[in-house]
Amino acid sequence: MKDINDILAMAQNVQNELQKAQDSLDTIEVEGAAGGGLVKVKASAKGRIIAVAIDDSLIVPSEKQMLEDLVAAAFNDARAKADAASSAEMAKMTSGLPLPPGFKLPF
């Protein structure tokens, strides 16, 4: 059995690596789109919205509901891509750790 100090040092190392991975998620950008690319939402892998772009052809008062639907769809697309990027980044970080099956980080 390992010494308690070794176990605590390993736990501290895992915590430091987790923090690095979490910090890097805000630098990874994804772009969600809807309406054939007429509405785009750029977000970080942490889910922070960076930008929204709406094609000029969609800015018609009588089409307000459609535009709102497209913006919501683009946000959802960006969120799904951010979740995928976050999962991929965390998987890279945890690939070398001896974790039991089904154990997910962060806690």
Protein backbone atom coordinates (compact mmCIF):
# COMPACT_ATOMS: atom_id res chain seq x y z
CA MET A 1 0.00 0.00 0.00
CA LYS A 2 1.24 3.46 -0.80
CA ASP A 3 2.24 5.93 1.83
CA ILE A 4 -0.48 8.47 2.69
CA ASN A 5 1.82 11.27 1.53
CA ASP A 6 2.10 9.62 -1.89
CA ILE A 7 -1.68 9.36 -2.12
CA LEU A 8 -2.13 13.00 -1.10
CA ALA A 9 0.52 14.11 -3.60
CA MET A 10 -1.24 12.14 -6.35
CA ALA A 11 -4.58 13.72 -5.41
CA GLN A 12 -3.01 17.18 -5.51
CA ASN A 13 -1.52 16.42 -8.94
CA VAL A 14 -4.93 15.29 -10.24
CA GLN A 15 -6.50 18.47 -8.87
CA ASN A 16 -3.85 20.63 -10.58
CA GLU A 17 -4.34 18.82 -13.89
CA LEU A 18 -8.11 19.23 -13.61
CA GLN A 19 -7.71 22.95 -13.04
CA LYS A 20 -5.46 23.24 -16.10
CA ALA A 21 -8.00 21.36 -18.20
CA GLN A 22 -10.86 23.53 -16.94
CA ASP A 23 -8.87 26.69 -17.70
CA SER A 24 -8.10 25.50 -21.22
CA LEU A 25 -11.80 24.94 -21.97
CA ASP A 26 -12.39 28.69 -22.13
CA THR A 27 -9.82 28.99 -24.92
CA ILE A 28 -11.44 26.34 -27.14
CA GLU A 29 -14.01 27.91 -29.49
CA VAL A 30 -16.90 26.19 -31.26
CA GLU A 31 -19.47 27.58 -33.68
CA GLY A 32 -23.11 26.57 -33.79
CA ALA A 33 -25.20 27.37 -36.86
CA ALA A 34 -28.81 27.28 -37.98
CA GLY A 35 -30.75 28.16 -41.11
CA GLY A 36 -28.02 26.93 -43.40
CA GLY A 37 -25.44 29.14 -41.69
CA LEU A 38 -27.55 32.30 -41.73
CA VAL A 39 -27.43 32.42 -37.92
CA LYS A 40 -24.17 31.57 -36.15
CA VAL A 41 -23.25 31.47 -32.48
CA LYS A 42 -19.62 31.26 -31.36
CA ALA A 43 -19.02 29.89 -27.86
CA SER A 44 -16.21 28.60 -25.67
CA ALA A 45 -16.12 24.94 -24.67
CA LYS A 46 -17.14 26.15 -21.21
CA GLY A 47 -20.36 27.47 -22.78
CA ARG A 48 -19.54 31.20 -22.68
CA ILE A 49 -21.15 32.92 -25.69
CA ILE A 50 -18.54 34.90 -27.60
CA ALA A 51 -20.48 36.20 -30.61
CA VAL A 52 -23.78 35.99 -32.48
CA ALA A 53 -23.94 36.65 -36.24
CA ILE A 54 -27.23 37.08 -38.11
CA ASP A 55 -27.32 37.40 -41.89
CA ASP A 56 -28.92 40.69 -43.02
CA SER A 57 -31.48 38.82 -45.12
CA LEU A 58 -33.13 37.53 -41.95
CA ILE A 59 -33.76 40.94 -40.41
CA VAL A 60 -37.35 41.36 -41.55
CA PRO A 61 -39.93 42.38 -38.92
CA SER A 62 -42.58 40.01 -40.29
CA GLU A 63 -40.13 37.08 -39.91
CA LYS A 64 -39.31 37.80 -36.25
CA GLN A 65 -40.52 34.40 -34.96
CA MET A 66 -38.43 32.50 -37.51
CA LEU A 67 -35.34 34.53 -36.59
CA GLU A 68 -35.90 33.86 -32.89
CA ASP A 69 -36.23 30.12 -33.62
CA LEU A 70 -33.02 30.14 -35.66
CA VAL A 71 -31.10 31.97 -32.92
CA ALA A 72 -32.32 29.42 -30.35
CA ALA A 73 -31.32 26.55 -32.68
CA ALA A 74 -27.86 28.07 -33.23
CA PHE A 75 -27.38 28.45 -29.45
CA ASN A 76 -28.36 24.81 -28.93
CA ASP A 77 -25.99 23.71 -31.70
CA ALA A 78 -23.14 25.70 -30.14
CA ARG A 79 -23.94 24.27 -26.69
CA ALA A 80 -23.85 20.70 -28.04
CA LYS A 81 -20.52 21.35 -29.73
CA ALA A 82 -19.15 23.00 -26.57
CA ASP A 83 -20.18 19.94 -24.54
CA ALA A 84 -18.48 17.64 -27.05
CA ALA A 85 -15.28 19.73 -27.02
CA SER A 86 -15.31 19.80 -23.22
CA SER A 87 -15.77 16.02 -23.00
CA ALA A 88 -12.97 15.43 -25.49
CA GLU A 89 -10.61 17.73 -23.58
CA MET A 90 -11.41 16.10 -20.25
CA ALA A 91 -10.97 12.63 -21.80
CA LYS A 92 -7.48 13.61 -22.95
CA MET A 93 -6.63 14.79 -19.46
CA THR A 94 -7.95 11.69 -17.68
CA SER A 95 -6.66 9.10 -20.16
CA GLY A 96 -3.53 8.44 -18.10
CA LEU A 97 -5.28 8.25 -14.73
CA PRO A 98 -6.15 4.87 -13.22
CA LEU A 99 -9.86 5.63 -12.69
CA PRO A 100 -12.56 3.00 -12.23
CA PRO A 101 -14.97 2.47 -15.18
CA GLY A 102 -17.77 5.03 -15.22
CA PHE A 103 -15.92 7.45 -12.94
CA LYS A 104 -16.33 10.97 -14.28
CA LEU A 105 -14.33 14.12 -13.64
CA PRO A 106 -14.82 16.81 -12.51
CA PHE A 107 -16.70 15.41 -9.56
